[in-house]
């Protein structure tokens, strides 16, 4: 089982939304079974999953102390991918979560404040010797700031070519436990989520080959 951790020091970057959409995209792509874990005290991912009618992806409750054992159990149970949402903070507990990752995805909004805050998250992943990449979220279409943000982030690591744009359907689909992939599977937002999962999956495979 491969573990993908969503991490960002800056709140509001879209970690929960990205975690849910990646897990659903993976399931729809046949890269299943998938499981999600929420380590954020706000439990936004838990709330989303509790509203969900579909039984997939699965959800596994876990405390930080038992996370390592929980991942081992999920691996033995036959899950292919685990997606872990984290709180917007840099603490020792978050370091422990990142250390368990096969891949760390860092959602970042194209704003000066987010770009300034990204350094600590990068240090967190690099310090744990975990492969990571950025994904630009809540981007405005045809914005120069988005291009500048991608250029700036590329100086620190790999940036996902799939940009998650600022559209209402991402938020509205999460209200009742769904995603844009289920609301409008042929829409632009769904295409972005599918492309992002393809990127993450490819990066994980490439890192495995390097190891």
N, C-alpha and C. Protein backbone atom coordinates (compact mmCIF):
# COMPACT_ATOMS: atom_id res chain seq x y z
N UNK A 1 0.84 -1.20 0.00
CA UNK A 1 0.00 0.00 0.00
C UNK A 1 0.87 1.25 0.00
N UNK A 2 0.50 2.22 -0.80
CA UNK A 2 1.21 3.48 -0.86
C UNK A 2 0.43 4.56 -0.10
N UNK A 3 1.15 5.35 0.66
CA UNK A 3 0.53 6.37 1.50
C UNK A 3 0.83 7.77 0.98
N UNK A 4 -0.22 8.53 0.71
CA UNK A 4 -0.09 9.91 0.23
C UNK A 4 -0.54 10.85 1.34
N UNK A 5 0.33 11.74 1.77
CA UNK A 5 0.01 12.69 2.83
C UNK A 5 -0.18 14.07 2.23
N UNK A 6 -1.29 14.72 2.57
CA UNK A 6 -1.55 16.10 2.17
C UNK A 6 -1.08 17.00 3.30
N UNK A 7 -0.11 17.84 3.03
CA UNK A 7 0.46 18.68 4.09
C UNK A 7 0.67 20.11 3.61
N UNK A 8 0.40 21.06 4.49
CA UNK A 8 0.62 22.47 4.20
C UNK A 8 0.52 23.25 5.49
N UNK A 9 1.50 24.07 5.75
CA UNK A 9 1.47 24.88 6.96
C UNK A 9 0.33 25.90 6.90
N UNK A 10 0.02 26.36 5.71
CA UNK A 10 -0.98 27.41 5.53
C UNK A 10 -2.38 26.81 5.50
N UNK A 11 -3.28 27.31 6.32
CA UNK A 11 -4.66 26.85 6.31
C UNK A 11 -5.40 27.36 5.09
N UNK A 12 -6.43 26.65 4.68
CA UNK A 12 -7.25 27.08 3.56
C UNK A 12 -6.69 26.77 2.20
N UNK A 13 -5.63 25.96 2.14
CA UNK A 13 -5.01 25.65 0.85
C UNK A 13 -5.77 24.56 0.09
N UNK A 14 -6.70 23.89 0.77
CA UNK A 14 -7.51 22.88 0.09
C UNK A 14 -7.07 21.45 0.32
N UNK A 15 -6.39 21.17 1.43
CA UNK A 15 -5.91 19.81 1.69
C UNK A 15 -7.04 18.78 1.72
N UNK A 16 -8.11 19.11 2.45
CA UNK A 16 -9.22 18.17 2.58
C UNK A 16 -9.90 17.93 1.24
N UNK A 17 -10.13 18.99 0.49
CA UNK A 17 -10.77 18.87 -0.82
C UNK A 17 -9.91 18.03 -1.76
N UNK A 18 -8.61 18.27 -1.76
CA UNK A 18 -7.70 17.51 -2.62
C UNK A 18 -7.64 16.05 -2.19
N UNK A 19 -7.59 15.80 -0.89
CA UNK A 19 -7.54 14.42 -0.39
C UNK A 19 -8.77 13.64 -0.85
N UNK A 20 -9.95 14.23 -0.69
CA UNK A 20 -11.18 13.56 -1.08
C UNK A 20 -11.23 13.31 -2.59
N UNK A 21 -10.86 14.31 -3.36
CA UNK A 21 -10.91 14.18 -4.81
C UNK A 21 -9.89 13.17 -5.33
N UNK A 22 -8.70 13.14 -4.75
CA UNK A 22 -7.70 12.16 -5.18
C UNK A 22 -8.16 10.74 -4.87
N UNK A 23 -8.74 10.55 -3.69
CA UNK A 23 -9.19 9.21 -3.32
C UNK A 23 -10.30 8.72 -4.25
N UNK A 24 -11.23 9.61 -4.57
CA UNK A 24 -12.32 9.23 -5.48
C UNK A 24 -11.78 9.02 -6.89
N UNK A 25 -10.86 9.88 -7.33
CA UNK A 25 -10.26 9.74 -8.66
C UNK A 25 -9.53 8.41 -8.78
N UNK A 26 -8.83 8.02 -7.72
CA UNK A 26 -8.10 6.75 -7.72
C UNK A 26 -9.07 5.58 -7.83
N UNK A 27 -10.16 5.65 -7.07
CA UNK A 27 -11.18 4.60 -7.12
C UNK A 27 -11.77 4.48 -8.53
N UNK A 28 -12.12 5.61 -9.12
CA UNK A 28 -12.73 5.61 -10.45
C UNK A 28 -11.75 5.15 -11.53
N UNK A 29 -10.46 5.35 -11.26
CA UNK A 29 -9.43 4.92 -12.23
C UNK A 29 -9.11 3.44 -12.10
N UNK A 30 -9.70 2.80 -11.10
CA UNK A 30 -9.43 1.37 -10.89
C UNK A 30 -8.24 1.09 -10.00
N UNK A 31 -7.68 2.14 -9.40
CA UNK A 31 -6.54 1.99 -8.49
C UNK A 31 -7.06 1.79 -7.07
N UNK A 32 -7.84 0.78 -6.90
CA UNK A 32 -8.53 0.56 -5.63
C UNK A 32 -8.12 -0.78 -5.01
N UNK A 33 -8.51 -1.00 -3.75
CA UNK A 33 -9.31 -0.14 -2.90
C UNK A 33 -8.46 0.97 -2.25
N UNK A 34 -9.12 2.09 -1.98
CA UNK A 34 -8.46 3.22 -1.34
C UNK A 34 -9.08 3.50 0.02
N UNK A 35 -8.29 4.08 0.90
CA UNK A 35 -8.77 4.42 2.24
C UNK A 35 -8.28 5.81 2.62
N UNK A 36 -9.07 6.52 3.39
CA UNK A 36 -8.72 7.87 3.83
C UNK A 36 -8.59 7.90 5.34
N UNK A 37 -7.68 8.75 5.82
CA UNK A 37 -7.47 8.94 7.26
C UNK A 37 -7.40 10.44 7.53
N UNK A 38 -8.06 10.89 8.59
CA UNK A 38 -8.09 12.30 8.94
C UNK A 38 -7.34 12.52 10.25
N UNK A 39 -6.22 13.26 10.20
CA UNK A 39 -5.47 13.56 11.42
C UNK A 39 -5.66 15.01 11.85
N UNK A 40 -6.56 15.72 11.17
CA UNK A 40 -6.86 17.12 11.50
C UNK A 40 -7.93 17.16 12.59
N UNK A 41 -7.67 17.82 13.72
CA UNK A 41 -8.67 17.90 14.80
C UNK A 41 -10.01 18.49 14.35
N UNK A 42 -10.01 19.28 13.28
CA UNK A 42 -11.26 19.86 12.77
C UNK A 42 -12.15 18.80 12.12
N UNK A 43 -11.54 17.67 11.70
CA UNK A 43 -12.26 16.51 11.15
C UNK A 43 -13.15 16.87 9.96
N UNK A 44 -12.66 17.71 9.09
CA UNK A 44 -13.42 18.08 7.89
C UNK A 44 -13.60 16.89 6.96
N UNK A 45 -12.57 16.06 6.85
CA UNK A 45 -12.66 14.89 5.98
C UNK A 45 -13.64 13.87 6.56
N UNK A 46 -13.66 13.76 7.87
CA UNK A 46 -14.62 12.87 8.54
C UNK A 46 -16.04 13.33 8.24
N UNK A 47 -16.28 14.64 8.36
CA UNK A 47 -17.61 15.19 8.12
C UNK A 47 -18.05 14.94 6.68
N UNK A 48 -17.12 15.10 5.74
CA UNK A 48 -17.43 14.85 4.33
C UNK A 48 -17.80 13.39 4.12
N UNK A 49 -17.01 12.49 4.67
CA UNK A 49 -17.24 11.06 4.46
C UNK A 49 -18.55 10.61 5.11
N UNK A 50 -18.90 11.19 6.24
CA UNK A 50 -20.14 10.82 6.93
C UNK A 50 -21.38 11.22 6.13
N UNK A 51 -21.23 12.19 5.24
CA UNK A 51 -22.34 12.61 4.38
C UNK A 51 -22.40 11.79 3.09
N UNK A 52 -21.39 11.00 2.86
CA UNK A 52 -21.26 10.29 1.59
C UNK A 52 -22.13 9.04 1.55
N UNK A 53 -22.80 8.82 0.43
CA UNK A 53 -23.63 7.63 0.26
C UNK A 53 -22.83 6.45 -0.27
N UNK A 54 -21.87 6.72 -1.12
CA UNK A 54 -21.04 5.64 -1.67
C UNK A 54 -20.16 5.04 -0.58
N UNK A 55 -19.93 3.75 -0.66
CA UNK A 55 -19.11 3.07 0.34
C UNK A 55 -17.62 3.18 0.05
N UNK A 56 -17.29 3.71 -1.12
CA UNK A 56 -15.89 3.88 -1.49
C UNK A 56 -15.61 5.36 -1.79
N UNK A 57 -14.41 5.82 -1.50
CA UNK A 57 -13.32 5.14 -0.80
C UNK A 57 -13.65 4.90 0.67
N UNK A 58 -12.95 3.97 1.28
CA UNK A 58 -13.20 3.65 2.68
C UNK A 58 -12.59 4.72 3.58
N UNK A 59 -13.02 4.71 4.84
CA UNK A 59 -12.46 5.63 5.83
C UNK A 59 -12.02 4.83 7.05
N UNK A 60 -10.83 5.16 7.56
CA UNK A 60 -10.29 4.45 8.73
C UNK A 60 -9.98 5.45 9.83
N UNK A 61 -10.72 5.43 10.92
CA UNK A 61 -10.39 6.33 12.04
C UNK A 61 -9.08 5.91 12.68
N UNK A 62 -8.30 6.89 13.10
CA UNK A 62 -7.01 6.57 13.71
C UNK A 62 -6.50 7.75 14.51
N UNK A 63 -5.89 7.47 15.64
CA UNK A 63 -5.19 8.51 16.39
C UNK A 63 -3.77 8.59 15.86
N UNK A 64 -3.08 9.67 16.16
CA UNK A 64 -1.70 9.81 15.70
C UNK A 64 -0.81 8.72 16.30
N UNK A 65 -1.09 8.34 17.54
CA UNK A 65 -0.26 7.33 18.20
C UNK A 65 -0.36 5.97 17.53
N UNK A 66 -1.54 5.65 17.02
CA UNK A 66 -1.74 4.33 16.44
C UNK A 66 -1.66 4.33 14.91
N UNK A 67 -1.27 5.48 14.33
CA UNK A 67 -1.28 5.60 12.88
C UNK A 67 -0.38 4.59 12.19
N UNK A 68 0.81 4.41 12.71
CA UNK A 68 1.74 3.47 12.08
C UNK A 68 1.17 2.06 12.05
N UNK A 69 0.63 1.62 13.18
CA UNK A 69 0.03 0.28 13.25
C UNK A 69 -1.21 0.20 12.37
N UNK A 70 -1.97 1.29 12.32
CA UNK A 70 -3.17 1.31 11.48
C UNK A 70 -2.82 1.14 10.01
N UNK A 71 -1.77 1.82 9.56
CA UNK A 71 -1.34 1.70 8.17
C UNK A 71 -0.88 0.29 7.85
N UNK A 72 -0.19 -0.33 8.78
CA UNK A 72 0.24 -1.72 8.58
C UNK A 72 -0.96 -2.64 8.44
N UNK A 73 -1.98 -2.42 9.28
CA UNK A 73 -3.18 -3.25 9.23
C UNK A 73 -3.93 -3.04 7.91
N UNK A 74 -3.99 -1.80 7.45
CA UNK A 74 -4.68 -1.50 6.20
C UNK A 74 -3.94 -2.10 5.02
N UNK A 75 -2.63 -2.11 5.10
CA UNK A 75 -1.81 -2.73 4.06
C UNK A 75 -2.10 -4.23 3.99
N UNK A 76 -2.14 -4.87 5.14
CA UNK A 76 -2.44 -6.31 5.19
C UNK A 76 -3.86 -6.61 4.72
N UNK A 77 -4.75 -5.62 4.91
CA UNK A 77 -6.15 -5.80 4.50
C UNK A 77 -6.32 -5.68 2.98
N UNK A 78 -5.25 -5.26 2.30
CA UNK A 78 -5.29 -5.22 0.84
C UNK A 78 -5.57 -3.89 0.20
N UNK A 79 -5.50 -2.82 0.98
CA UNK A 79 -5.73 -1.50 0.38
C UNK A 79 -4.53 -1.11 -0.49
N UNK A 80 -4.83 -0.43 -1.59
CA UNK A 80 -3.78 -0.03 -2.53
C UNK A 80 -3.17 1.33 -2.19
N UNK A 81 -4.04 2.27 -1.80
CA UNK A 81 -3.58 3.62 -1.49
C UNK A 81 -4.29 4.16 -0.25
N UNK A 82 -3.52 4.88 0.57
CA UNK A 82 -4.09 5.57 1.73
C UNK A 82 -3.83 7.06 1.55
N UNK A 83 -4.85 7.88 1.79
CA UNK A 83 -4.75 9.32 1.68
C UNK A 83 -4.96 9.93 3.06
N UNK A 84 -3.97 10.69 3.54
CA UNK A 84 -4.02 11.23 4.90
C UNK A 84 -4.08 12.75 4.87
N UNK A 85 -5.15 13.28 5.48
CA UNK A 85 -5.30 14.72 5.62
C UNK A 85 -4.64 15.15 6.93
N UNK A 86 -4.01 16.32 6.94
CA UNK A 86 -3.30 16.80 8.13
C UNK A 86 -3.75 18.21 8.48
N UNK A 87 -3.54 18.62 9.73
CA UNK A 87 -3.91 19.99 10.12
C UNK A 87 -2.91 21.01 9.58
N UNK A 88 -3.32 22.28 9.50
CA UNK A 88 -2.42 23.33 9.00
C UNK A 88 -1.45 23.79 10.08
N UNK A 89 -0.44 23.00 10.33
CA UNK A 89 0.54 23.33 11.37
C UNK A 89 1.80 22.51 11.13
N UNK A 90 2.87 22.97 11.70
CA UNK A 90 4.13 22.21 11.67
C UNK A 90 4.45 21.83 13.11
N UNK A 91 4.14 20.62 13.47
CA UNK A 91 4.37 20.14 14.82
C UNK A 91 5.08 18.79 14.75
N UNK A 92 5.49 18.30 15.91
CA UNK A 92 6.15 16.99 15.94
C UNK A 92 5.22 15.88 15.48
N UNK A 93 3.92 16.04 15.78
CA UNK A 93 2.96 15.02 15.36
C UNK A 93 2.84 14.99 13.84
N UNK A 94 2.89 16.17 13.21
CA UNK A 94 2.82 16.22 11.76
C UNK A 94 4.10 15.63 11.15
N UNK A 95 5.20 15.87 11.79
CA UNK A 95 6.46 15.27 11.33
C UNK A 95 6.35 13.74 11.32
N UNK A 96 5.70 13.21 12.35
CA UNK A 96 5.54 11.76 12.44
C UNK A 96 4.66 11.23 11.31
N UNK A 97 3.64 11.99 10.94
CA UNK A 97 2.76 11.58 9.84
C UNK A 97 3.51 11.61 8.52
N UNK A 98 4.23 12.69 8.28
CA UNK A 98 4.99 12.83 7.03
C UNK A 98 6.04 11.72 6.90
N UNK A 99 6.64 11.32 8.04
CA UNK A 99 7.65 10.27 8.01
C UNK A 99 7.09 8.94 7.52
N UNK A 100 5.78 8.77 7.60
CA UNK A 100 5.13 7.52 7.18
C UNK A 100 4.69 7.56 5.72
N UNK A 101 4.90 8.69 5.07
CA UNK A 101 4.40 8.89 3.70
C UNK A 101 5.31 8.25 2.65
N UNK A 102 4.68 7.75 1.60
CA UNK A 102 5.42 7.37 0.40
C UNK A 102 5.53 8.57 -0.52
N UNK A 103 4.60 9.52 -0.34
CA UNK A 103 4.61 10.72 -1.17
C UNK A 103 3.87 11.82 -0.42
N UNK A 104 4.43 13.04 -0.47
CA UNK A 104 3.81 14.19 0.19
C UNK A 104 3.37 15.18 -0.88
N UNK A 105 2.10 15.54 -0.86
CA UNK A 105 1.58 16.52 -1.80
C UNK A 105 1.27 17.80 -1.02
N UNK A 106 1.81 18.92 -1.50
CA UNK A 106 1.69 20.20 -0.80
C UNK A 106 0.80 21.15 -1.60
N UNK A 107 -0.48 21.27 -1.23
CA UNK A 107 -1.37 22.22 -1.91
C UNK A 107 -0.96 23.65 -1.56
N UNK A 108 -0.90 24.51 -2.55
CA UNK A 108 -0.47 25.89 -2.33
C UNK A 108 -1.29 26.85 -3.20
N UNK A 109 -1.89 27.83 -2.56
CA UNK A 109 -2.61 28.85 -3.32
C UNK A 109 -1.61 29.83 -3.93
N UNK A 110 -1.93 30.39 -5.09
CA UNK A 110 -1.01 31.34 -5.74
C UNK A 110 -1.11 32.72 -5.11
N UNK A 111 -0.70 32.81 -3.87
CA UNK A 111 -0.72 34.10 -3.17
C UNK A 111 0.62 34.30 -2.48
N UNK A 112 1.04 35.53 -2.29
CA UNK A 112 2.33 35.79 -1.64
C UNK A 112 2.43 35.17 -0.25
N UNK A 113 1.34 35.21 0.52
CA UNK A 113 1.36 34.66 1.87
C UNK A 113 1.60 33.14 1.85
N UNK A 114 0.92 32.46 0.93
CA UNK A 114 1.08 31.00 0.82
C UNK A 114 2.49 30.64 0.37
N UNK A 115 3.01 31.39 -0.58
CA UNK A 115 4.34 31.09 -1.11
C UNK A 115 5.41 31.32 -0.04
N UNK A 116 5.22 32.33 0.79
CA UNK A 116 6.18 32.59 1.87
C UNK A 116 6.15 31.47 2.92
N UNK A 117 4.98 30.88 3.10
CA UNK A 117 4.81 29.87 4.15
C UNK A 117 5.21 28.47 3.72
N UNK A 118 5.51 28.29 2.43
CA UNK A 118 5.72 26.94 1.92
C UNK A 118 7.06 26.34 2.37
N UNK A 119 8.00 27.19 2.77
CA UNK A 119 9.33 26.72 3.13
C UNK A 119 9.35 25.69 4.24
N UNK A 120 8.57 25.91 5.29
CA UNK A 120 8.57 24.98 6.41
C UNK A 120 8.02 23.62 6.03
N UNK A 121 7.02 23.60 5.16
CA UNK A 121 6.46 22.32 4.72
C UNK A 121 7.48 21.56 3.88
N UNK A 122 8.21 22.29 3.05
CA UNK A 122 9.26 21.66 2.24
C UNK A 122 10.34 21.08 3.14
N UNK A 123 10.75 21.85 4.14
CA UNK A 123 11.76 21.37 5.08
C UNK A 123 11.28 20.12 5.83
N UNK A 124 9.99 20.09 6.11
CA UNK A 124 9.40 18.94 6.80
C UNK A 124 9.54 17.67 5.96
N UNK A 125 9.17 17.77 4.68
CA UNK A 125 9.25 16.61 3.80
C UNK A 125 10.70 16.23 3.51
N UNK A 126 11.53 17.24 3.25
CA UNK A 126 12.93 16.97 2.96
C UNK A 126 13.65 16.39 4.17
N UNK A 127 13.31 16.90 5.35
CA UNK A 127 13.94 16.40 6.57
C UNK A 127 13.62 14.95 6.84
N UNK A 128 12.44 14.53 6.41
CA UNK A 128 12.04 13.13 6.58
C UNK A 128 12.45 12.28 5.38
N UNK A 129 13.13 12.92 4.42
CA UNK A 129 13.59 12.24 3.21
C UNK A 129 12.41 11.62 2.45
N UNK A 130 11.32 12.37 2.38
CA UNK A 130 10.12 11.92 1.67
C UNK A 130 9.99 12.66 0.35
N UNK A 131 9.68 11.98 -0.74
CA UNK A 131 9.46 12.67 -2.02
C UNK A 131 8.20 13.53 -1.94
N UNK A 132 8.24 14.69 -2.55
CA UNK A 132 7.11 15.60 -2.47
C UNK A 132 6.93 16.36 -3.77
N UNK A 133 5.77 16.98 -3.89
CA UNK A 133 5.49 17.86 -5.03
C UNK A 133 4.43 18.87 -4.61
N UNK A 134 4.38 19.96 -5.34
CA UNK A 134 3.39 21.00 -5.09
C UNK A 134 2.22 20.86 -6.05
N UNK A 135 1.04 21.30 -5.62
CA UNK A 135 -0.08 21.46 -6.53
C UNK A 135 -0.68 22.83 -6.25
N UNK A 136 -0.81 23.63 -7.30
CA UNK A 136 -1.40 24.97 -7.16
C UNK A 136 -2.91 24.83 -7.11
N UNK A 137 -3.52 25.40 -6.06
CA UNK A 137 -4.96 25.28 -5.86
C UNK A 137 -5.62 26.66 -5.84
N UNK A 138 -6.94 26.65 -6.07
CA UNK A 138 -7.75 27.87 -6.03
C UNK A 138 -7.18 28.97 -6.94
N UNK A 139 -6.71 28.54 -8.08
CA UNK A 139 -6.10 29.48 -9.03
C UNK A 139 -7.18 30.16 -9.87
N UNK A 140 -6.93 31.41 -10.21
CA UNK A 140 -7.83 32.16 -11.08
C UNK A 140 -7.43 31.89 -12.54
N UNK A 141 -8.41 31.64 -13.41
CA UNK A 141 -8.09 31.38 -14.82
C UNK A 141 -7.32 32.55 -15.45
N UNK A 142 -6.34 32.20 -16.25
CA UNK A 142 -5.55 33.19 -16.99
C UNK A 142 -4.92 34.26 -16.10
N UNK A 143 -4.52 33.84 -14.91
CA UNK A 143 -3.92 34.79 -13.99
C UNK A 143 -2.39 34.75 -14.08
N UNK A 144 -1.79 35.92 -14.16
CA UNK A 144 -0.32 36.00 -14.20
C UNK A 144 0.27 35.51 -12.88
N UNK A 145 -0.46 35.74 -11.80
CA UNK A 145 0.01 35.32 -10.47
C UNK A 145 0.16 33.81 -10.39
N UNK A 146 -0.73 33.07 -11.07
CA UNK A 146 -0.64 31.61 -11.07
C UNK A 146 0.64 31.15 -11.74
N UNK A 147 0.97 31.76 -12.88
CA UNK A 147 2.20 31.42 -13.60
C UNK A 147 3.41 31.75 -12.74
N UNK A 148 3.38 32.90 -12.09
CA UNK A 148 4.49 33.31 -11.24
C UNK A 148 4.64 32.36 -10.05
N UNK A 149 3.51 31.91 -9.49
CA UNK A 149 3.55 30.99 -8.36
C UNK A 149 4.17 29.66 -8.76
N UNK A 150 3.81 29.15 -9.92
CA UNK A 150 4.37 27.88 -10.39
C UNK A 150 5.87 28.00 -10.62
N UNK A 151 6.28 29.13 -11.15
CA UNK A 151 7.70 29.36 -11.38
C UNK A 151 8.46 29.43 -10.07
N UNK A 152 7.86 30.11 -9.10
CA UNK A 152 8.49 30.23 -7.78
C UNK A 152 8.59 28.87 -7.08
N UNK A 153 7.51 28.11 -7.14
CA UNK A 153 7.49 26.80 -6.48
C UNK A 153 8.47 25.83 -7.14
N UNK A 154 8.64 25.95 -8.45
CA UNK A 154 9.54 25.04 -9.17
C UNK A 154 10.99 25.17 -8.73
N UNK A 155 11.32 26.29 -8.07
CA UNK A 155 12.67 26.47 -7.55
C UNK A 155 12.91 25.60 -6.32
N UNK A 156 11.81 25.12 -5.71
CA UNK A 156 11.91 24.32 -4.49
C UNK A 156 11.60 22.85 -4.71
N UNK A 157 10.97 22.52 -5.84
CA UNK A 157 10.62 21.13 -6.09
C UNK A 157 9.72 20.99 -7.31
N UNK A 158 9.22 19.79 -7.51
CA UNK A 158 8.36 19.50 -8.65
C UNK A 158 6.97 20.10 -8.43
N UNK A 159 6.40 20.66 -9.48
CA UNK A 159 5.06 21.23 -9.42
C UNK A 159 4.15 20.44 -10.35
N UNK A 160 3.00 20.02 -9.84
CA UNK A 160 2.05 19.29 -10.67
C UNK A 160 1.59 20.14 -11.84
N UNK A 161 1.61 19.62 -13.05
CA UNK A 161 1.16 20.40 -14.20
C UNK A 161 -0.34 20.66 -14.18
N UNK A 162 -1.07 19.84 -13.43
CA UNK A 162 -2.52 20.03 -13.31
C UNK A 162 -2.82 21.05 -12.23
N UNK A 163 -3.36 22.19 -12.63
CA UNK A 163 -3.71 23.26 -11.71
C UNK A 163 -5.17 23.08 -11.28
N UNK A 164 -5.43 23.21 -9.99
CA UNK A 164 -6.80 23.15 -9.48
C UNK A 164 -7.34 24.58 -9.42
N UNK A 165 -8.27 24.90 -10.29
CA UNK A 165 -8.76 26.26 -10.38
C UNK A 165 -9.86 26.56 -9.36
N UNK A 166 -10.04 27.82 -9.11
CA UNK A 166 -11.02 28.29 -8.12
C UNK A 166 -12.42 28.27 -8.74
N UNK A 167 -13.12 27.15 -8.54
CA UNK A 167 -14.48 27.02 -9.05
C UNK A 167 -15.41 26.60 -7.92
N UNK A 168 -16.63 27.08 -8.00
CA UNK A 168 -17.62 26.82 -6.95
C UNK A 168 -17.92 25.33 -6.83
N UNK A 169 -17.85 24.60 -7.95
CA UNK A 169 -18.26 23.19 -7.90
C UNK A 169 -17.38 22.34 -6.99
N UNK A 170 -16.12 22.73 -6.80
CA UNK A 170 -15.27 21.97 -5.88
C UNK A 170 -15.85 22.00 -4.47
N UNK A 171 -16.24 23.18 -4.01
CA UNK A 171 -16.79 23.33 -2.67
C UNK A 171 -18.20 22.78 -2.56
N UNK A 172 -19.04 23.08 -3.56
CA UNK A 172 -20.44 22.67 -3.49
C UNK A 172 -20.59 21.15 -3.54
N UNK A 173 -19.72 20.48 -4.27
CA UNK A 173 -19.81 19.02 -4.36
C UNK A 173 -19.46 18.35 -3.04
N UNK A 174 -18.64 19.03 -2.23
CA UNK A 174 -18.22 18.45 -0.96
C UNK A 174 -19.30 18.52 0.12
N UNK A 175 -20.32 19.34 -0.11
CA UNK A 175 -21.35 19.55 0.91
C UNK A 175 -22.08 18.27 1.26
N UNK A 176 -22.41 17.47 0.25
CA UNK A 176 -23.18 16.25 0.50
C UNK A 176 -22.36 14.97 0.30
N UNK A 177 -21.05 15.08 0.51
CA UNK A 177 -20.21 13.89 0.47
C UNK A 177 -19.84 13.41 -0.91
N UNK A 178 -19.89 14.30 -1.89
CA UNK A 178 -19.48 13.90 -3.24
C UNK A 178 -18.28 14.73 -3.69
N UNK A 179 -17.91 14.57 -4.94
CA UNK A 179 -16.82 15.33 -5.55
C UNK A 179 -17.27 15.78 -6.93
N UNK A 180 -16.47 16.63 -7.55
CA UNK A 180 -16.81 17.09 -8.90
C UNK A 180 -16.80 15.92 -9.88
N UNK A 181 -16.08 14.88 -9.55
CA UNK A 181 -16.01 13.70 -10.42
C UNK A 181 -17.36 13.00 -10.51
N UNK A 182 -18.18 13.19 -9.50
CA UNK A 182 -19.50 12.57 -9.49
C UNK A 182 -20.60 13.55 -9.86
N UNK A 183 -20.36 14.84 -9.60
CA UNK A 183 -21.34 15.87 -9.95
C UNK A 183 -21.34 16.13 -11.45
N UNK A 184 -20.16 16.30 -12.01
CA UNK A 184 -20.01 16.61 -13.43
C UNK A 184 -18.76 15.92 -13.95
N UNK A 185 -18.82 14.62 -14.20
CA UNK A 185 -17.63 13.85 -14.58
C UNK A 185 -16.95 14.29 -15.87
N UNK A 186 -17.65 15.03 -16.70
CA UNK A 186 -17.06 15.49 -17.96
C UNK A 186 -16.66 16.96 -17.90
N UNK A 187 -16.78 17.58 -16.73
CA UNK A 187 -16.47 18.99 -16.58
C UNK A 187 -14.98 19.26 -16.45
N UNK A 188 -14.62 20.53 -16.48
CA UNK A 188 -13.22 20.94 -16.39
C UNK A 188 -12.62 20.61 -15.02
N UNK A 189 -13.41 20.78 -13.98
CA UNK A 189 -12.91 20.50 -12.63
C UNK A 189 -12.59 19.02 -12.47
N UNK A 190 -13.47 18.18 -12.99
CA UNK A 190 -13.24 16.73 -12.92
C UNK A 190 -11.97 16.35 -13.68
N UNK A 191 -11.77 16.99 -14.83
CA UNK A 191 -10.57 16.71 -15.62
C UNK A 191 -9.31 17.07 -14.85
N UNK A 192 -9.36 18.16 -14.09
CA UNK A 192 -8.21 18.57 -13.29
C UNK A 192 -7.91 17.56 -12.19
N UNK A 193 -8.96 17.04 -11.55
CA UNK A 193 -8.78 16.05 -10.49
C UNK A 193 -8.20 14.76 -11.04
N UNK A 194 -8.70 14.34 -12.19
CA UNK A 194 -8.20 13.12 -12.83
C UNK A 194 -6.72 13.28 -13.21
N UNK A 195 -6.39 14.43 -13.78
CA UNK A 195 -5.01 14.69 -14.18
C UNK A 195 -4.08 14.75 -12.97
N UNK A 196 -4.56 15.31 -11.87
CA UNK A 196 -3.74 15.39 -10.66
C UNK A 196 -3.45 14.00 -10.12
N UNK A 197 -4.45 13.12 -10.11
CA UNK A 197 -4.21 11.76 -9.64
C UNK A 197 -3.22 11.03 -10.55
N UNK A 198 -3.34 11.23 -11.85
CA UNK A 198 -2.41 10.60 -12.79
C UNK A 198 -0.98 11.06 -12.51
N UNK A 199 -0.82 12.34 -12.19
CA UNK A 199 0.49 12.89 -11.87
C UNK A 199 1.04 12.26 -10.59
N UNK A 200 0.23 12.22 -9.53
CA UNK A 200 0.67 11.66 -8.25
C UNK A 200 1.04 10.19 -8.41
N UNK A 201 0.23 9.45 -9.09
CA UNK A 201 0.49 8.02 -9.30
C UNK A 201 1.80 7.81 -10.05
N UNK A 202 2.04 8.63 -11.07
CA UNK A 202 3.27 8.53 -11.85
C UNK A 202 4.49 8.85 -11.00
N UNK A 203 4.39 9.90 -10.18
CA UNK A 203 5.51 10.30 -9.32
C UNK A 203 5.85 9.20 -8.32
N UNK A 204 4.84 8.55 -7.78
CA UNK A 204 5.07 7.46 -6.83
C UNK A 204 5.80 6.31 -7.51
N UNK A 205 5.39 5.99 -8.72
CA UNK A 205 6.05 4.91 -9.46
C UNK A 205 7.50 5.26 -9.78
N UNK A 206 7.73 6.51 -10.17
CA UNK A 206 9.09 6.95 -10.49
C UNK A 206 9.99 6.91 -9.27
N UNK A 207 9.46 7.32 -8.13
CA UNK A 207 10.25 7.29 -6.90
C UNK A 207 10.56 5.87 -6.45
N UNK A 208 9.65 4.96 -6.70
CA UNK A 208 9.89 3.56 -6.37
C UNK A 208 11.02 2.98 -7.21
N UNK A 209 11.07 3.39 -8.49
CA UNK A 209 12.13 2.92 -9.37
C UNK A 209 13.49 3.44 -8.92
N UNK A 210 13.51 4.71 -8.47
CA UNK A 210 14.77 5.32 -8.01
C UNK A 210 15.29 4.58 -6.78
N UNK A 211 14.35 4.19 -5.89
CA UNK A 211 14.75 3.49 -4.67
C UNK A 211 15.31 2.11 -4.99
